[in-house]
N, C-alpha and C. Protein backbone atom coordinates (compact mmCIF):
# COMPACT_ATOMS: atom_id res chain seq x y z
N MET A 1 43.26 42.49 54.14
CA MET A 1 44.36 41.65 54.55
C MET A 1 45.62 42.07 53.79
N ARG A 2 46.69 42.28 54.49
CA ARG A 2 47.96 42.68 53.86
C ARG A 2 48.77 41.46 53.53
N ARG A 3 49.52 41.55 52.43
CA ARG A 3 50.41 40.47 52.02
C ARG A 3 51.84 40.81 52.39
N LEU A 4 52.55 39.80 52.78
CA LEU A 4 53.97 39.96 53.06
C LEU A 4 54.72 39.83 51.73
N VAL A 5 55.44 40.85 51.33
CA VAL A 5 56.16 40.85 50.07
C VAL A 5 57.62 40.52 50.32
N LEU A 6 58.07 39.39 49.77
CA LEU A 6 59.43 38.94 49.98
C LEU A 6 60.25 38.96 48.69
N TYR A 7 59.88 39.79 47.75
CA TYR A 7 60.57 39.83 46.47
C TYR A 7 60.63 41.27 46.00
N ALA A 8 61.47 41.50 45.02
CA ALA A 8 61.56 42.82 44.42
C ALA A 8 60.69 42.83 43.16
N PRO A 9 59.55 43.53 43.16
CA PRO A 9 58.65 43.50 42.00
C PRO A 9 59.32 43.95 40.70
N GLU A 10 60.27 44.84 40.79
CA GLU A 10 60.92 45.32 39.58
C GLU A 10 61.76 44.23 38.91
N VAL A 11 62.08 43.17 39.64
CA VAL A 11 62.83 42.04 39.08
C VAL A 11 61.87 40.90 38.72
N ALA A 12 60.95 40.57 39.60
CA ALA A 12 60.09 39.41 39.41
C ALA A 12 59.09 39.61 38.29
N VAL A 13 58.48 40.77 38.19
CA VAL A 13 57.43 40.98 37.19
C VAL A 13 57.96 40.87 35.76
N PRO A 14 59.10 41.47 35.40
CA PRO A 14 59.60 41.26 34.03
C PRO A 14 59.92 39.79 33.72
N VAL A 15 60.42 39.07 34.69
CA VAL A 15 60.72 37.65 34.48
C VAL A 15 59.42 36.88 34.24
N LEU A 16 58.40 37.17 35.04
CA LEU A 16 57.11 36.51 34.87
C LEU A 16 56.46 36.91 33.55
N ARG A 17 56.64 38.16 33.14
CA ARG A 17 56.11 38.57 31.84
C ARG A 17 56.76 37.77 30.72
N PHE A 18 58.08 37.55 30.82
CA PHE A 18 58.75 36.73 29.81
C PHE A 18 58.18 35.32 29.80
N PHE A 19 58.03 34.71 30.98
CA PHE A 19 57.52 33.34 31.05
C PHE A 19 56.14 33.22 30.44
N ASN A 20 55.35 34.28 30.48
CA ASN A 20 53.99 34.25 29.95
C ASN A 20 53.90 34.80 28.53
N SER A 21 55.02 35.14 27.92
CA SER A 21 55.03 35.56 26.52
C SER A 21 55.11 34.31 25.64
N PRO A 22 54.84 34.45 24.34
CA PRO A 22 54.98 33.29 23.44
C PRO A 22 56.39 32.69 23.48
N ALA A 23 57.42 33.52 23.56
CA ALA A 23 58.79 33.00 23.64
C ALA A 23 59.01 32.25 24.95
N GLY A 24 58.44 32.75 26.03
CA GLY A 24 58.57 32.08 27.32
C GLY A 24 57.85 30.75 27.35
N ARG A 25 56.67 30.71 26.73
CA ARG A 25 55.95 29.44 26.65
C ARG A 25 56.76 28.43 25.86
N PHE A 26 57.35 28.86 24.75
CA PHE A 26 58.18 27.98 23.93
C PHE A 26 59.38 27.49 24.74
N ALA A 27 59.99 28.39 25.51
CA ALA A 27 61.15 28.02 26.33
C ALA A 27 60.75 26.99 27.39
N ARG A 28 59.56 27.12 27.97
CA ARG A 28 59.12 26.15 28.96
C ARG A 28 58.88 24.78 28.33
N VAL A 29 58.32 24.77 27.13
CA VAL A 29 58.10 23.50 26.43
C VAL A 29 59.44 22.84 26.12
N VAL A 30 60.38 23.62 25.61
CA VAL A 30 61.71 23.07 25.29
C VAL A 30 62.41 22.57 26.56
N LEU A 31 62.33 23.33 27.65
CA LEU A 31 62.93 22.90 28.91
C LEU A 31 62.31 21.60 29.39
N GLY A 32 60.99 21.52 29.34
CA GLY A 32 60.31 20.30 29.76
C GLY A 32 60.72 19.09 28.93
N LEU A 33 60.77 19.28 27.60
CA LEU A 33 61.19 18.17 26.73
C LEU A 33 62.64 17.77 27.00
N ALA A 34 63.50 18.75 27.26
CA ALA A 34 64.90 18.46 27.56
C ALA A 34 65.04 17.67 28.86
N LEU A 35 64.31 18.06 29.89
CA LEU A 35 64.37 17.34 31.17
C LEU A 35 63.86 15.91 31.00
N ILE A 36 62.78 15.76 30.24
CA ILE A 36 62.24 14.42 30.00
C ILE A 36 63.24 13.57 29.23
N ALA A 37 63.85 14.14 28.20
CA ALA A 37 64.82 13.39 27.38
C ALA A 37 66.04 12.97 28.20
N VAL A 38 66.57 13.90 28.99
CA VAL A 38 67.76 13.58 29.80
C VAL A 38 67.42 12.54 30.85
N GLY A 39 66.28 12.69 31.51
CA GLY A 39 65.88 11.71 32.51
C GLY A 39 65.66 10.33 31.93
N ALA A 40 65.05 10.27 30.76
CA ALA A 40 64.81 8.98 30.11
C ALA A 40 66.12 8.37 29.62
N TRP A 41 67.01 9.20 29.11
CA TRP A 41 68.28 8.71 28.57
C TRP A 41 69.17 8.14 29.68
N LEU A 42 69.22 8.84 30.83
CA LEU A 42 70.09 8.39 31.92
C LEU A 42 69.49 7.23 32.71
N GLY A 43 68.17 7.14 32.73
CA GLY A 43 67.50 6.03 33.41
C GLY A 43 67.71 6.05 34.92
N GLY A 44 67.44 4.93 35.55
CA GLY A 44 67.59 4.82 37.01
C GLY A 44 66.76 5.85 37.74
N TRP A 45 67.36 6.45 38.76
CA TRP A 45 66.67 7.48 39.53
C TRP A 45 66.48 8.78 38.74
N TRP A 46 67.16 8.87 37.60
CA TRP A 46 67.02 10.08 36.77
C TRP A 46 65.63 10.18 36.15
N TRP A 47 64.82 9.12 36.24
CA TRP A 47 63.44 9.20 35.78
C TRP A 47 62.67 10.26 36.56
N LEU A 48 63.12 10.54 37.78
CA LEU A 48 62.47 11.61 38.55
C LEU A 48 62.64 12.95 37.84
N LEU A 49 63.77 13.15 37.20
CA LEU A 49 64.00 14.36 36.41
C LEU A 49 63.02 14.42 35.24
N ALA A 50 62.77 13.28 34.63
CA ALA A 50 61.81 13.22 33.54
C ALA A 50 60.41 13.57 34.04
N LEU A 51 60.05 13.07 35.22
CA LEU A 51 58.75 13.42 35.79
C LEU A 51 58.67 14.91 36.10
N LEU A 52 59.75 15.47 36.60
CA LEU A 52 59.80 16.90 36.87
C LEU A 52 59.63 17.71 35.59
N GLY A 53 60.13 17.18 34.48
CA GLY A 53 60.02 17.86 33.19
C GLY A 53 58.59 17.99 32.71
N LEU A 54 57.69 17.17 33.24
CA LEU A 54 56.29 17.28 32.84
C LEU A 54 55.67 18.60 33.27
N LEU A 55 56.15 19.18 34.37
CA LEU A 55 55.58 20.44 34.86
C LEU A 55 55.82 21.61 33.90
N PRO A 56 57.07 21.91 33.51
CA PRO A 56 57.23 23.02 32.56
C PRO A 56 56.63 22.71 31.18
N LEU A 57 56.62 21.44 30.80
CA LEU A 57 56.01 21.06 29.52
C LEU A 57 54.52 21.37 29.55
N ALA A 58 53.83 20.93 30.59
CA ALA A 58 52.39 21.19 30.71
C ALA A 58 52.12 22.69 30.86
N ALA A 59 52.97 23.39 31.61
CA ALA A 59 52.77 24.82 31.81
C ALA A 59 52.88 25.58 30.49
N GLY A 60 53.81 25.17 29.64
CA GLY A 60 53.95 25.82 28.35
C GLY A 60 52.82 25.49 27.40
N ILE A 61 52.41 24.24 27.39
CA ILE A 61 51.35 23.82 26.47
C ILE A 61 50.00 24.40 26.88
N PHE A 62 49.69 24.35 28.17
CA PHE A 62 48.37 24.77 28.64
C PHE A 62 48.33 26.21 29.13
N ASP A 63 49.41 26.95 28.95
CA ASP A 63 49.49 28.38 29.25
C ASP A 63 49.13 28.71 30.70
N PHE A 64 49.91 28.18 31.62
CA PHE A 64 49.81 28.62 33.01
C PHE A 64 51.21 28.77 33.55
N CYS A 65 51.34 29.63 34.55
CA CYS A 65 52.66 29.90 35.13
C CYS A 65 52.63 29.47 36.59
N THR A 66 53.46 28.50 36.93
CA THR A 66 53.47 27.97 38.29
C THR A 66 54.13 28.93 39.28
N LEU A 67 54.92 29.87 38.79
CA LEU A 67 55.59 30.82 39.68
C LEU A 67 54.73 32.04 40.01
N ALA A 68 53.81 32.39 39.13
CA ALA A 68 53.03 33.62 39.30
C ALA A 68 52.26 33.68 40.63
N PRO A 69 51.60 32.61 41.09
CA PRO A 69 50.89 32.71 42.37
C PRO A 69 51.81 33.01 43.55
N LEU A 70 53.08 32.63 43.45
CA LEU A 70 54.02 32.95 44.53
C LEU A 70 54.23 34.45 44.67
N PHE A 71 53.95 35.18 43.60
CA PHE A 71 54.13 36.63 43.59
C PHE A 71 52.81 37.37 43.55
N GLY A 72 51.72 36.68 43.91
CA GLY A 72 50.42 37.32 43.99
C GLY A 72 49.77 37.57 42.63
N MET A 73 50.21 36.87 41.60
CA MET A 73 49.64 37.02 40.27
C MET A 73 48.81 35.78 39.95
N PRO A 74 47.91 35.87 38.96
CA PRO A 74 47.08 34.70 38.62
C PRO A 74 47.86 33.57 37.98
N LEU A 75 47.37 32.36 38.16
CA LEU A 75 47.99 31.16 37.60
C LEU A 75 47.84 31.10 36.09
N SER A 76 46.69 31.49 35.58
CA SER A 76 46.40 31.43 34.15
C SER A 76 47.25 32.44 33.38
N GLY A 77 47.83 32.01 32.28
CA GLY A 77 48.65 32.90 31.47
C GLY A 77 47.85 34.05 30.89
N ARG A 78 46.62 33.76 30.44
CA ARG A 78 45.77 34.81 29.88
C ARG A 78 45.42 35.85 30.94
N ARG A 79 45.04 35.39 32.12
CA ARG A 79 44.70 36.33 33.21
C ARG A 79 45.92 37.11 33.67
N PHE A 80 47.08 36.45 33.66
CA PHE A 80 48.32 37.14 34.04
C PHE A 80 48.60 38.28 33.07
N GLN A 81 48.46 38.02 31.78
CA GLN A 81 48.72 39.05 30.78
C GLN A 81 47.74 40.20 30.92
N GLU A 82 46.47 39.90 31.20
CA GLU A 82 45.49 40.96 31.42
C GLU A 82 45.84 41.78 32.65
N ALA A 83 46.22 41.11 33.73
CA ALA A 83 46.57 41.82 34.97
C ALA A 83 47.83 42.66 34.79
N SER A 84 48.82 42.14 34.08
CA SER A 84 50.06 42.91 33.90
C SER A 84 49.83 44.08 32.96
N ARG A 85 48.93 43.93 31.97
CA ARG A 85 48.60 45.07 31.09
C ARG A 85 47.89 46.16 31.86
N SER A 86 46.95 45.79 32.73
CA SER A 86 46.21 46.80 33.48
C SER A 86 47.09 47.49 34.53
N SER A 87 48.09 46.78 35.05
CA SER A 87 48.99 47.40 36.05
C SER A 87 49.97 48.36 35.39
N THR A 88 50.31 48.13 34.12
CA THR A 88 51.24 49.04 33.44
C THR A 88 50.55 50.28 32.91
N ARG A 89 49.22 50.23 32.75
CA ARG A 89 48.47 51.39 32.26
C ARG A 89 48.31 52.46 33.32
N ARG A 90 48.39 52.09 34.58
CA ARG A 90 48.15 53.06 35.67
C ARG A 90 49.19 54.13 35.69
């Protein structure tokens, strides 16, 4: 089965590699905490922003990348790193 590729791999893969690096995980945790703080501080309908902040927070803490499956890569951060290492060795 062939996949329809709607992205430029030379751009998407380095970005995904960053997201799955220790610095990227830290950035996702900080982004999640910031969204939660802003949503809680503003209140009202902004609580939806706080709920949205749970996704990058959980992704950073539990080491998974929500964007990777969109580009045909594994969801798990560990599996993504293994797959990206094996693709660069070829």
